């Protein structure tokens, strides 16, 4: 098997990339080793690899040790927020869902955490050899916040988990927080495999911040034209980042990503938890608006609690959120 090296630097460096016939060239992935979960002696964790549009993603599957051979469990796919990784979810969220009797998948989006980077070829593409391989100079795209690419990854994660031996593909729920809270609304609106949705402190309309940004939507559309014509960098990595957040936003893609505008297509029961002291956005135009759209169409629960955006990740607010979400999933997936 041919070997190639992958660089961790962001900018163009020489490396050998498999760009053609990946599936026929690579061996089948072996099942991950079952591992114990610290603090949860009744659970197991299985590292997995997920292929998303040609990029390898890292994931972890959790489920109870007592699961019998052939037993199928209701399943939850976790979608983290802006700059998050599965390592955050693996500590206090994924194990709690698994301990409640679910098979749970946490994963890293492309270019984040343990997942591979998307590659952008720089320079002229050479002719492939007889096996379809090329040696190129490529840019490893890491820590890019691209909602459309991340939707591809969520789609792949759901597809992957459908094939897990202990997952019940007819009972798949999705959970998302912050930026991921918007992701799960969009996914549920476009994916009938999703049978229940939990969105907490979710940003449901990425266009709202762009309208007030310098140049507004018109300015970002002009940049998109320049990018398509090769007049600016092919992918916007390394640019200014919003204060307090990690990762380069792909603003032209944000302009195309508005979960709230698609909420009316959701057919699955939904729970939305908002923070009354939210400082990133006006919840009336995000979670509350989605809940209003869904009201009368599907079973929907809406909660607005006296907390800030990040309070939901620890302490009593985390406990309260997990209790509400587990009760919700129990009623709609079990």
C-alpha atoms as a PDB file:
ATOM      1  CA  UNK A   1       0.000   0.000   0.000  1.00  0.00           C
ATOM      2  CA  UNK A   2       1.371   3.398  -0.876  1.00  0.00           C
ATOM      3  CA  UNK A   3       2.325   5.691   1.961  1.00  0.00           C
ATOM      4  CA  UNK A   4       1.760   9.370   2.115  1.00  0.00           C
ATOM      5  CA  UNK A   5       2.452  11.995   4.756  1.00  0.00           C
ATOM      6  CA  UNK A   6      -0.015  14.580   5.999  1.00  0.00           C
ATOM      7  CA  UNK A   7       1.215  17.901   7.333  1.00  0.00           C
ATOM      8  CA  UNK A   8      -0.263  19.755  10.296  1.00  0.00           C
ATOM      9  CA  UNK A   9       0.654  23.148   8.910  1.00  0.00           C
ATOM     10  CA  UNK A  10      -2.191  25.211   7.467  1.00  0.00           C
ATOM     11  CA  UNK A  11      -0.508  26.465   4.376  1.00  0.00           C
ATOM     12  CA  UNK A  12       0.648  24.801   1.239  1.00  0.00           C
ATOM     13  CA  UNK A  13       3.229  22.086   1.817  1.00  0.00           C
ATOM     14  CA  UNK A  14       4.268  19.106  -0.230  1.00  0.00           C
ATOM     15  CA  UNK A  15       2.534  15.829   0.562  1.00  0.00           C
ATOM     16  CA  UNK A  16       1.211  12.785  -1.225  1.00  0.00           C
ATOM     17  CA  UNK A  17      -2.588  12.803  -1.372  1.00  0.00           C
ATOM     18  CA  UNK A  18      -4.972  10.103  -2.421  1.00  0.00           C
ATOM     19  CA  UNK A  19      -7.249  12.027  -4.764  1.00  0.00           C
ATOM     20  CA  UNK A  20      -8.668   9.241  -6.916  1.00  0.00           C
ATOM     21  CA  UNK A  21     -10.256   5.823  -6.319  1.00  0.00           C
ATOM     22  CA  UNK A  22      -9.973   6.090  -2.533  1.00  0.00           C
ATOM     23  CA  UNK A  23     -12.444   3.375  -1.817  1.00  0.00           C
ATOM     24  CA  UNK A  24     -10.843   0.842  -4.135  1.00  0.00           C
ATOM     25  CA  UNK A  25      -7.344   1.631  -2.932  1.00  0.00           C
ATOM     26  CA  UNK A  26      -7.985   1.577   0.832  1.00  0.00           C
ATOM     27  CA  UNK A  27      -8.676  -1.581   2.853  1.00  0.00           C
ATOM     28  CA  UNK A  28     -11.919  -1.935   4.771  1.00  0.00           C
ATOM     29  CA  UNK A  29     -11.821  -0.252   8.165  1.00  0.00           C
ATOM     30  CA  UNK A  30     -11.499  -2.646  11.090  1.00  0.00           C
ATOM     31  CA  UNK A  31     -13.867  -2.400  14.034  1.00  0.00           C
ATOM     32  CA  UNK A  32     -12.551  -0.194  16.806  1.00  0.00           C
ATOM     33  CA  UNK A  33     -11.303  -1.566  20.074  1.00  0.00           C
ATOM     34  CA  UNK A  34     -13.828  -1.443  22.913  1.00  0.00           C
ATOM     35  CA  UNK A  35     -12.604   0.776  25.737  1.00  0.00           C
ATOM     36  CA  UNK A  36     -13.791   1.598  29.239  1.00  0.00           C
ATOM     37  CA  UNK A  37     -15.325   5.015  29.938  1.00  0.00           C
ATOM     38  CA  UNK A  38     -13.829   6.843  32.907  1.00  0.00           C
ATOM     39  CA  UNK A  39     -16.466   7.462  35.565  1.00  0.00           C
ATOM     40  CA  UNK A  40     -19.021   5.254  33.803  1.00  0.00           C
ATOM     41  CA  UNK A  41     -18.199   1.598  34.563  1.00  0.00           C
ATOM     42  CA  UNK A  42     -21.376   0.351  32.847  1.00  0.00           C
ATOM     43  CA  UNK A  43     -20.417   1.810  29.441  1.00  0.00           C
ATOM     44  CA  UNK A  44     -18.018   1.070  26.600  1.00  0.00           C
ATOM     45  CA  UNK A  45     -16.500   3.468  24.063  1.00  0.00           C
ATOM     46  CA  UNK A  46     -15.484   2.451  20.556  1.00  0.00           C
ATOM     47  CA  UNK A  47     -13.316   4.781  18.437  1.00  0.00           C
ATOM     48  CA  UNK A  48     -14.519   4.813  14.822  1.00  0.00           C
ATOM     49  CA  UNK A  49     -13.593   6.340  11.474  1.00  0.00           C
ATOM     50  CA  UNK A  50     -16.247   7.957   9.296  1.00  0.00           C
ATOM     51  CA  UNK A  51     -15.802   8.894   5.627  1.00  0.00           C
ATOM     52  CA  UNK A  52     -17.449  12.180   4.663  1.00  0.00           C
ATOM     53  CA  UNK A  53     -17.193  13.179   1.013  1.00  0.00           C
ATOM     54  CA  UNK A  54     -13.657  11.758   0.805  1.00  0.00           C
ATOM     55  CA  UNK A  55     -12.416  13.066   4.179  1.00  0.00           C
ATOM     56  CA  UNK A  56     -11.812  10.789   7.160  1.00  0.00           C
ATOM     57  CA  UNK A  57     -13.550  11.883  10.380  1.00  0.00           C
ATOM     58  CA  UNK A  58     -12.794  10.664  13.892  1.00  0.00           C
ATOM     59  CA  UNK A  59     -15.683   9.552  16.085  1.00  0.00           C
ATOM     60  CA  UNK A  60     -16.546   7.675  19.260  1.00  0.00           C
ATOM     61  CA  UNK A  61     -19.501   5.350  19.791  1.00  0.00           C
ATOM     62  CA  UNK A  62     -20.799   4.835  23.347  1.00  0.00           C
ATOM     63  CA  UNK A  63     -23.302   2.253  24.577  1.00  0.00           C
ATOM     64  CA  UNK A  64     -24.039   0.135  27.688  1.00  0.00           C
ATOM     65  CA  UNK A  65     -21.815  -2.892  28.291  1.00  0.00           C
ATOM     66  CA  UNK A  66     -24.907  -4.957  29.058  1.00  0.00           C
ATOM     67  CA  UNK A  67     -26.213  -4.605  25.503  1.00  0.00           C
ATOM     68  CA  UNK A  68     -26.984  -8.111  24.277  1.00  0.00           C
ATOM     69  CA  UNK A  69     -25.760  -9.511  20.972  1.00  0.00           C
ATOM     70  CA  UNK A  70     -28.198  -8.463  18.269  1.00  0.00           C
ATOM     71  CA  UNK A  71     -29.927  -5.914  20.505  1.00  0.00           C
ATOM     72  CA  UNK A  72     -30.814  -2.624  18.794  1.00  0.00           C
ATOM     73  CA  UNK A  73     -30.712   0.625  20.755  1.00  0.00           C
ATOM     74  CA  UNK A  74     -32.261   4.024  20.124  1.00  0.00           C
ATOM     75  CA  UNK A  75     -29.462   6.211  18.812  1.00  0.00           C
ATOM     76  CA  UNK A  76     -28.343   9.832  19.241  1.00  0.00           C
ATOM     77  CA  UNK A  77     -25.839  11.659  17.024  1.00  0.00           C
ATOM     78  CA  UNK A  78     -24.185  14.627  18.770  1.00  0.00           C
ATOM     79  CA  UNK A  79     -23.313  17.837  16.867  1.00  0.00           C
ATOM     80  CA  UNK A  80     -21.021  20.198  18.760  1.00  0.00           C
ATOM     81  CA  UNK A  81     -20.825  23.941  18.376  1.00  0.00           C
ATOM     82  CA  UNK A  82     -18.428  26.507  16.924  1.00  0.00           C
ATOM     83  CA  UNK A  83     -14.865  25.422  17.661  1.00  0.00           C
ATOM     84  CA  UNK A  84     -15.961  22.412  19.714  1.00  0.00           C
ATOM     85  CA  UNK A  85     -14.648  18.860  19.445  1.00  0.00           C
ATOM     86  CA  UNK A  86     -15.861  15.434  20.474  1.00  0.00           C
ATOM     87  CA  UNK A  87     -13.431  15.517  23.402  1.00  0.00           C
ATOM     88  CA  UNK A  88     -15.742  18.070  25.051  1.00  0.00           C
ATOM     89  CA  UNK A  89     -18.810  15.932  24.424  1.00  0.00           C
ATOM     90  CA  UNK A  90     -17.092  12.746  25.584  1.00  0.00           C
ATOM     91  CA  UNK A  91     -16.659  14.027  29.120  1.00  0.00           C
ATOM     92  CA  UNK A  92     -20.122  14.919  30.350  1.00  0.00           C
ATOM     93  CA  UNK A  93     -22.707  14.604  27.604  1.00  0.00           C
ATOM     94  CA  UNK A  94     -22.197  11.489  25.460  1.00  0.00           C
ATOM     95  CA  UNK A  95     -21.771   9.175  28.492  1.00  0.00           C
ATOM     96  CA  UNK A  96     -24.914  10.509  30.161  1.00  0.00           C
ATOM     97  CA  UNK A  97     -27.032   9.732  27.119  1.00  0.00           C
ATOM     98  CA  UNK A  98     -25.431   6.286  26.807  1.00  0.00           C
ATOM     99  CA  UNK A  99     -26.000   5.563  30.514  1.00  0.00           C
ATOM    100  CA  UNK A 100     -29.686   6.303  29.881  1.00  0.00           C
ATOM    101  CA  UNK A 101     -29.816   3.411  27.402  1.00  0.00           C
ATOM    102  CA  UNK A 102     -28.786   4.972  24.085  1.00  0.00           C
ATOM    103  CA  UNK A 103     -26.134   4.258  21.510  1.00  0.00           C
ATOM    104  CA  UNK A 104     -24.395   7.617  21.075  1.00  0.00           C
ATOM    105  CA  UNK A 105     -22.044   8.903  18.377  1.00  0.00           C
ATOM    106  CA  UNK A 106     -19.808  11.925  18.927  1.00  0.00           C
ATOM    107  CA  UNK A 107     -17.470  13.042  16.144  1.00  0.00           C
ATOM    108  CA  UNK A 108     -15.175  15.840  14.979  1.00  0.00           C
ATOM    109  CA  UNK A 109     -16.014  17.899  11.903  1.00  0.00           C
ATOM    110  CA  UNK A 110     -13.432  17.851   9.107  1.00  0.00           C
ATOM    111  CA  UNK A 111     -10.389  19.911  10.020  1.00  0.00           C
ATOM    112  CA  UNK A 112     -11.165  19.852  13.751  1.00  0.00           C
ATOM    113  CA  UNK A 113      -9.963  17.707  16.630  1.00  0.00           C
ATOM    114  CA  UNK A 114      -8.795  14.280  15.511  1.00  0.00           C
ATOM    115  CA  UNK A 115     -10.427  14.395  12.069  1.00  0.00           C
ATOM    116  CA  UNK A 116      -8.415  14.774   8.873  1.00  0.00           C
ATOM    117  CA  UNK A 117      -8.221  18.087   7.099  1.00  0.00           C
ATOM    118  CA  UNK A 118      -9.891  18.859   3.829  1.00  0.00           C
ATOM    119  CA  UNK A 119      -7.159  19.342   1.210  1.00  0.00           C
ATOM    120  CA  UNK A 120      -6.994  22.106  -1.379  1.00  0.00           C
ATOM    121  CA  UNK A 121      -4.527  21.505  -4.210  1.00  0.00           C
ATOM    122  CA  UNK A 122      -2.255  24.483  -4.839  1.00  0.00           C
ATOM    123  CA  UNK A 123      -0.512  24.739  -8.167  1.00  0.00           C
ATOM    124  CA  UNK A 124      -1.170  22.723 -11.293  1.00  0.00           C
ATOM    125  CA  UNK A 125      -2.694  19.264 -10.898  1.00  0.00           C
ATOM    126  CA  UNK A 126      -0.367  16.660 -12.490  1.00  0.00           C
ATOM    127  CA  UNK A 127      -1.618  13.703 -14.470  1.00  0.00           C
ATOM    128  CA  UNK A 128      -2.449  10.727 -12.210  1.00  0.00           C
ATOM    129  CA  UNK A 129      -0.378   7.567 -12.492  1.00  0.00           C
ATOM    130  CA  UNK A 130      -1.821   4.242 -13.628  1.00  0.00           C
ATOM    131  CA  UNK A 131      -3.246   3.651 -10.130  1.00  0.00           C
ATOM    132  CA  UNK A 132      -4.904   7.070  -9.979  1.00  0.00           C
ATOM    133  CA  UNK A 133      -2.376   8.621  -7.570  1.00  0.00           C
ATOM    134  CA  UNK A 134      -0.789  12.055  -7.777  1.00  0.00           C
ATOM    135  CA  UNK A 135       1.851  13.878  -5.766  1.00  0.00           C
ATOM    136  CA  UNK A 136       0.757  17.458  -5.200  1.00  0.00           C
ATOM    137  CA  UNK A 137       1.324  20.556  -3.151  1.00  0.00           C
ATOM    138  CA  UNK A 138      -1.799  20.926  -1.034  1.00  0.00           C
ATOM    139  CA  UNK A 139      -3.136  23.136   1.717  1.00  0.00           C
ATOM    140  CA  UNK A 140      -4.534  21.387   4.784  1.00  0.00           C
ATOM    141  CA  UNK A 141      -7.692  23.270   5.763  1.00  0.00           C
ATOM    142  CA  UNK A 142      -8.083  23.233   9.538  1.00  0.00           C
ATOM    143  CA  UNK A 143     -10.311  25.115  11.959  1.00  0.00           C
ATOM    144  CA  UNK A 144     -12.571  26.482   9.247  1.00  0.00           C
ATOM    145  CA  UNK A 145     -16.189  27.069  10.278  1.00  0.00           C
ATOM    146  CA  UNK A 146     -18.055  26.051   7.137  1.00  0.00           C
ATOM    147  CA  UNK A 147     -21.713  25.177   7.840  1.00  0.00           C
ATOM    148  CA  UNK A 148     -22.255  23.474   4.494  1.00  0.00           C
ATOM    149  CA  UNK A 149     -19.219  21.195   4.824  1.00  0.00           C
ATOM    150  CA  UNK A 150     -20.260  20.439   8.398  1.00  0.00           C
ATOM    151  CA  UNK A 151     -23.725  19.471   7.167  1.00  0.00           C
ATOM    152  CA  UNK A 152     -22.031  16.941   4.866  1.00  0.00           C
ATOM    153  CA  UNK A 153     -20.237  15.580   7.932  1.00  0.00           C
ATOM    154  CA  UNK A 154     -23.459  15.297   9.957  1.00  0.00           C
ATOM    155  CA  UNK A 155     -25.110  13.495   7.044  1.00  0.00           C
ATOM    156  CA  UNK A 156     -22.149  11.072   6.942  1.00  0.00           C
ATOM    157  CA  UNK A 157     -22.301  10.545  10.708  1.00  0.00           C
ATOM    158  CA  UNK A 158     -25.985   9.587  10.546  1.00  0.00           C
ATOM    159  CA  UNK A 159     -25.301   7.287   7.601  1.00  0.00           C
ATOM    160  CA  UNK A 160     -22.392   5.701   9.463  1.00  0.00           C
ATOM    161  CA  UNK A 161     -24.393   5.021  12.585  1.00  0.00           C
ATOM    162  CA  UNK A 162     -27.141   3.355  10.542  1.00  0.00           C
ATOM    163  CA  UNK A 163     -24.635   0.540  10.020  1.00  0.00           C
ATOM    164  CA  UNK A 164     -23.620   0.144  13.670  1.00  0.00           C
ATOM    165  CA  UNK A 165     -24.577  -3.368  14.884  1.00  0.00           C
ATOM    166  CA  UNK A 166     -26.350  -2.062  18.012  1.00  0.00           C
ATOM    167  CA  UNK A 167     -27.993   1.006  16.434  1.00  0.00           C
ATOM    168  CA  UNK A 168     -31.658   0.999  15.487  1.00  0.00           C
ATOM    169  CA  UNK A 169     -31.789   3.015  12.232  1.00  0.00           C
ATOM    170  CA  UNK A 170     -35.519   3.578  12.680  1.00  0.00           C
ATOM    171  CA  UNK A 171     -34.907   5.417  15.986  1.00  0.00           C
ATOM    172  CA  UNK A 172     -32.225   8.050  15.352  1.00  0.00           C
ATOM    173  CA  UNK A 173     -32.232  11.363  17.190  1.00  0.00           C
ATOM    174  CA  UNK A 174     -29.852  14.299  16.795  1.00  0.00           C
ATOM    175  CA  UNK A 175     -28.606  16.698  19.465  1.00  0.00           C
ATOM    176  CA  UNK A 176     -26.840  19.984  18.849  1.00  0.00           C
ATOM    177  CA  UNK A 177     -25.565  22.874  20.914  1.00  0.00           C
ATOM    178  CA  UNK A 178     -24.807  26.494  19.969  1.00  0.00           C
ATOM    179  CA  UNK A 179     -23.748  26.472  16.292  1.00  0.00           C
ATOM    180  CA  UNK A 180     -24.695  22.788  16.363  1.00  0.00           C
ATOM    181  CA  UNK A 181     -28.151  23.768  17.605  1.00  0.00           C
ATOM    182  CA  UNK A 182     -28.749  25.379  14.244  1.00  0.00           C
ATOM    183  CA  UNK A 183     -27.177  22.429  12.484  1.00  0.00           C
ATOM    184  CA  UNK A 184     -29.676  19.938  13.886  1.00  0.00           C
ATOM    185  CA  UNK A 185     -32.645  22.114  12.864  1.00  0.00           C
ATOM    186  CA  UNK A 186     -31.298  22.278   9.294  1.00  0.00           C
ATOM    187  CA  UNK A 187     -30.543  18.540   9.271  1.00  0.00           C
ATOM    188  CA  UNK A 188     -33.984  17.566  10.549  1.00  0.00           C
ATOM    189  CA  UNK A 189     -35.596  19.764   7.899  1.00  0.00           C
ATOM    190  CA  UNK A 190     -33.739  17.881   5.161  1.00  0.00           C
ATOM    191  CA  UNK A 191     -33.426  14.345   6.547  1.00  0.00           C
ATOM    192  CA  UNK A 192     -36.385  12.068   7.244  1.00  0.00           C
ATOM    193  CA  UNK A 193     -34.131   9.584   9.049  1.00  0.00           C
ATOM    194  CA  UNK A 194     -34.168  11.974  12.015  1.00  0.00           C
ATOM    195  CA  UNK A 195     -36.952  10.995  14.433  1.00  0.00           C
ATOM    196  CA  UNK A 196     -36.285  13.444  17.295  1.00  0.00           C
ATOM    197  CA  UNK A 197     -34.346  16.720  17.616  1.00  0.00           C
ATOM    198  CA  UNK A 198     -32.765  18.469  20.606  1.00  0.00           C
ATOM    199  CA  UNK A 199     -31.305  21.961  20.072  1.00  0.00           C
ATOM    200  CA  UNK A 200     -29.813  23.937  22.952  1.00  0.00           C
ATOM    201  CA  UNK A 201     -28.636  27.578  22.938  1.00  0.00           C
ATOM    202  CA  UNK A 202     -28.772  27.274  19.154  1.00  0.00           C
ATOM    203  CA  UNK A 203     -27.970  29.891  16.523  1.00  0.00           C
ATOM    204  CA  UNK A 204     -30.715  29.363  13.953  1.00  0.00           C
ATOM    205  CA  UNK A 205     -29.946  32.073  11.387  1.00  0.00           C
ATOM    206  CA  UNK A 206     -26.337  32.839  10.484  1.00  0.00           C
ATOM    207  CA  UNK A 207     -27.388  35.653   8.146  1.00  0.00           C
ATOM    208  CA  UNK A 208     -28.436  37.982  10.958  1.00  0.00           C
ATOM    209  CA  UNK A 209     -24.869  38.789  11.992  1.00  0.00           C
ATOM    210  CA  UNK A 210     -23.752  39.238   8.407  1.00  0.00           C
ATOM    211  CA  UNK A 211     -26.292  41.962   7.673  1.00  0.00           C
ATOM    212  CA  UNK A 212     -24.641  44.233  10.259  1.00  0.00           C
ATOM    213  CA  UNK A 213     -21.061  43.276   9.308  1.00  0.00           C
ATOM    214  CA  UNK A 214     -18.957  45.684   7.203  1.00  0.00           C
ATOM    215  CA  UNK A 215     -20.195  45.343   3.644  1.00  0.00           C
ATOM    216  CA  UNK A 216     -23.172  43.233   4.721  1.00  0.00           C
ATOM    217  CA  UNK A 217     -24.491  40.396   2.598  1.00  0.00           C
ATOM    218  CA  UNK A 218     -23.684  42.303  -0.582  1.00  0.00           C
ATOM    219  CA  UNK A 219     -20.033  42.556   0.445  1.00  0.00           C
ATOM    220  CA  UNK A 220     -19.769  38.854   1.154  1.00  0.00           C
ATOM    221  CA  UNK A 221     -21.380  38.042  -2.192  1.00  0.00           C
ATOM    222  CA  UNK A 222     -18.735  40.187  -3.884  1.00  0.00           C
ATOM    223  CA  UNK A 223     -16.042  38.204  -2.030  1.00  0.00           C
ATOM    224  CA  UNK A 224     -17.660  34.972  -3.219  1.00  0.00           C
ATOM    225  CA  UNK A 225     -17.340  36.200  -6.801  1.00  0.00           C
ATOM    226  CA  UNK A 226     -13.671  37.002  -6.242  1.00  0.00           C
ATOM    227  CA  UNK A 227     -13.082  33.580  -4.676  1.00  0.00           C
ATOM    228  CA  UNK A 228     -14.734  31.774  -7.603  1.00  0.00           C
ATOM    229  CA  UNK A 229     -12.531  33.735 -10.009  1.00  0.00           C
ATOM    230  CA  UNK A 230      -9.317  32.961  -8.114  1.00  0.00           C
ATOM    231  CA  UNK A 231      -8.754  36.580  -7.120  1.00  0.00           C
ATOM    232  CA  UNK A 232      -8.621  35.773  -3.391  1.00  0.00           C
ATOM    233  CA  UNK A 233      -7.542  32.664  -1.473  1.00  0.00           C
ATOM    234  CA  UNK A 234      -9.646  29.599  -2.415  1.00  0.00           C
ATOM    235  CA  UNK A 235     -10.654  29.040   1.222  1.00  0.00           C
ATOM    236  CA  UNK A 236     -10.747  31.771   3.916  1.00  0.00           C
ATOM    237  CA  UNK A 237      -8.511  30.280   6.604  1.00  0.00           C
ATOM    238  CA  UNK A 238      -6.319  32.312   8.912  1.00  0.00           C
ATOM    239  CA  UNK A 239      -8.400  35.491   8.726  1.00  0.00           C
ATOM    240  CA  UNK A 240      -9.947  37.499  11.572  1.00  0.00           C
ATOM    241  CA  UNK A 241     -11.929  35.444  14.075  1.00  0.00           C
ATOM    242  CA  UNK A 242     -14.943  36.622  16.096  1.00  0.00           C
ATOM    243  CA  UNK A 243     -13.979  37.687  19.594  1.00  0.00           C
ATOM    244  CA  UNK A 244     -13.935  34.782  22.028  1.00  0.00           C
ATOM    245  CA  UNK A 245     -14.294  32.113  19.332  1.00  0.00           C
ATOM    246  CA  UNK A 246     -11.798  29.785  17.668  1.00  0.00           C
ATOM    247  CA  UNK A 247     -11.882  29.147  13.943  1.00  0.00           C
ATOM    248  CA  UNK A 248     -12.113  31.077  10.692  1.00  0.00           C
ATOM    249  CA  UNK A 249     -15.718  31.732   9.591  1.00  0.00           C
ATOM    250  CA  UNK A 250     -16.611  31.049   5.962  1.00  0.00           C
ATOM    251  CA  UNK A 251     -18.943  34.023   5.668  1.00  0.00           C
ATOM    252  CA  UNK A 252     -20.026  33.399   2.091  1.00  0.00           C
ATOM    253  CA  UNK A 253     -21.295  29.995   3.211  1.00  0.00           C
ATOM    254  CA  UNK A 254     -22.981  31.523   6.251  1.00  0.00           C
ATOM    255  CA  UNK A 255     -25.052  33.626   3.875  1.00  0.00           C
ATOM    256  CA  UNK A 256     -26.537  30.396   2.492  1.00  0.00           C
ATOM    257  CA  UNK A 257     -27.196  28.797   5.888  1.00  0.00           C
ATOM    258  CA  UNK A 258     -30.436  29.779   7.591  1.00  0.00           C
ATOM    259  CA  UNK A 259     -31.974  26.895   9.556  1.00  0.00           C
ATOM    260  CA  UNK A 260     -34.943  29.003  10.685  1.00  0.00           C
ATOM    261  CA  UNK A 261     -36.054  29.429   7.069  1.00  0.00           C
ATOM    262  CA  UNK A 262     -36.353  25.642   6.693  1.00  0.00           C
ATOM    263  CA  UNK A 263     -37.870  24.797  10.079  1.00  0.00           C
ATOM    264  CA  UNK A 264     -41.354  24.413   8.598  1.00  0.00           C
ATOM    265  CA  UNK A 265     -40.153  21.238   6.863  1.00  0.00           C
ATOM    266  CA  UNK A 266     -39.366  19.416  10.131  1.00  0.00           C
ATOM    267  CA  UNK A 267     -41.594  16.419  10.843  1.00  0.00           C
ATOM    268  CA  UNK A 268     -39.833  15.124  13.977  1.00  0.00           C
ATOM    269  CA  UNK A 269     -40.609  16.038  17.610  1.00  0.00           C
ATOM    270  CA  UNK A 270     -38.303  18.844  18.747  1.00  0.00           C
ATOM    271  CA  UNK A 271     -37.054  20.291  22.031  1.00  0.00           C
ATOM    272  CA  UNK A 272     -35.395  23.724  22.110  1.00  0.00           C
ATOM    273  CA  UNK A 273     -33.595  25.177  25.138  1.00  0.00           C
ATOM    274  CA  UNK A 274     -32.591  28.858  25.080  1.00  0.00           C
ATOM    275  CA  UNK A 275     -30.606  31.084  27.427  1.00  0.00           C
ATOM    276  CA  UNK A 276     -32.484  34.229  28.494  1.00  0.00           C
ATOM    277  CA  UNK A 277     -29.120  35.902  29.074  1.00  0.00           C
ATOM    278  CA  UNK A 278     -27.865  34.963  25.600  1.00  0.00           C
ATOM    279  CA  UNK A 279     -25.190  37.406  24.411  1.00  0.00           C
ATOM    280  CA  UNK A 280     -24.495  36.088  20.902  1.00  0.00           C
ATOM    281  CA  UNK A 281     -27.944  36.635  19.375  1.00  0.00           C
ATOM    282  CA  UNK A 282     -31.554  37.555  20.088  1.00  0.00           C
ATOM    283  CA  UNK A 283     -33.311  34.310  21.020  1.00  0.00           C
ATOM    284  CA  UNK A 284     -36.604  35.735  19.698  1.00  0.00           C
ATOM    285  CA  UNK A 285     -35.160  35.473  16.171  1.00  0.00           C
ATOM    286  CA  UNK A 286     -33.555  32.074  16.725  1.00  0.00           C
ATOM    287  CA  UNK A 287     -34.811  29.312  19.039  1.00  0.00           C
ATOM    288  CA  UNK A 288     -38.054  31.042  19.951  1.00  0.00           C
ATOM    289  CA  UNK A 289     -38.878  31.719  16.312  1.00  0.00           C
ATOM    290  CA  UNK A 290     -38.233  28.093  15.338  1.00  0.00           C
ATOM    291  CA  UNK A 291     -40.473  26.919  18.173  1.00  0.00           C
ATOM    292  CA  UNK A 292     -43.232  29.215  16.909  1.00  0.00           C
ATOM    293  CA  UNK A 293     -42.861  27.851  13.378  1.00  0.00           C
ATOM    294  CA  UNK A 294     -43.108  24.270  14.658  1.00  0.00           C
ATOM    295  CA  UNK A 295     -45.994  24.894  17.042  1.00  0.00           C
ATOM    296  CA  UNK A 296     -49.075  23.033  15.876  1.00  0.00           C
ATOM    297  CA  UNK A 297     -47.089  21.151  13.216  1.00  0.00           C
ATOM    298  CA  UNK A 298     -45.078  18.680  15.329  1.00  0.00           C
ATOM    299  CA  UNK A 299     -44.674  18.004  19.071  1.00  0.00           C
ATOM    300  CA  UNK A 300     -42.409  20.840  20.234  1.00  0.00           C
ATOM    301  CA  UNK A 301     -41.104  21.874  23.655  1.00  0.00           C
ATOM    302  CA  UNK A 302     -39.585  25.299  24.196  1.00  0.00           C
ATOM    303  CA  UNK A 303     -37.667  26.328  27.321  1.00  0.00           C
ATOM    304  CA  UNK A 304     -35.975  29.675  28.045  1.00  0.00           C
ATOM    305  CA  UNK A 305     -33.936  29.554  31.244  1.00  0.00           C
ATOM    306  CA  UNK A 306     -32.278  32.314  33.288  1.00  0.00           C
ATOM    307  CA  UNK A 307     -28.724  31.463  32.240  1.00  0.00           C
ATOM    308  CA  UNK A 308     -25.965  32.600  29.905  1.00  0.00           C
ATOM    309  CA  UNK A 309     -24.874  30.885  26.699  1.00  0.00           C
ATOM    310  CA  UNK A 310     -22.081  28.813  28.295  1.00  0.00           C
ATOM    311  CA  UNK A 311     -23.809  28.000  31.588  1.00  0.00           C
ATOM    312  CA  UNK A 312     -25.519  24.983  30.030  1.00  0.00           C
ATOM    313  CA  UNK A 313     -22.226  23.073  29.808  1.00  0.00           C
ATOM    314  CA  UNK A 314     -21.602  22.617  33.527  1.00  0.00           C
ATOM    315  CA  UNK A 315     -23.126  22.427  36.984  1.00  0.00           C
ATOM    316  CA  UNK A 316     -26.828  22.593  37.700  1.00  0.00           C
ATOM    317  CA  UNK A 317     -27.741  23.927  34.242  1.00  0.00           C
ATOM    318  CA  UNK A 318     -26.054  20.962  32.565  1.00  0.00           C
ATOM    319  CA  UNK A 319     -27.882  18.586  34.901  1.00  0.00           C
ATOM    320  CA  UNK A 320     -31.205  20.313  34.174  1.00  0.00           C
ATOM    321  CA  UNK A 321     -30.639  20.249  30.411  1.00  0.00           C
ATOM    322  CA  UNK A 322     -29.610  16.600  30.364  1.00  0.00           C
ATOM    323  CA  UNK A 323     -32.631  15.598  32.438  1.00  0.00           C
ATOM    324  CA  UNK A 324     -34.999  17.444  30.098  1.00  0.00           C
ATOM    325  CA  UNK A 325     -33.368  16.084  26.947  1.00  0.00           C
ATOM    326  CA  UNK A 326     -33.175  12.487  28.167  1.00  0.00           C
ATOM    327  CA  UNK A 327     -36.847  12.643  29.156  1.00  0.00           C
ATOM    328  CA  UNK A 328     -37.648  14.039  25.703  1.00  0.00           C
ATOM    329  CA  UNK A 329     -35.703  11.344  23.857  1.00  0.00           C
ATOM    330  CA  UNK A 330     -37.175   8.638  26.104  1.00  0.00           C
ATOM    331  CA  UNK A 331     -40.678   9.702  25.080  1.00  0.00           C
ATOM    332  CA  UNK A 332     -39.947   9.938  21.363  1.00  0.00           C
ATOM    333  CA  UNK A 333     -37.281   7.284  20.668  1.00  0.00           C
ATOM    334  CA  UNK A 334     -37.981   4.532  23.173  1.00  0.00           C
END
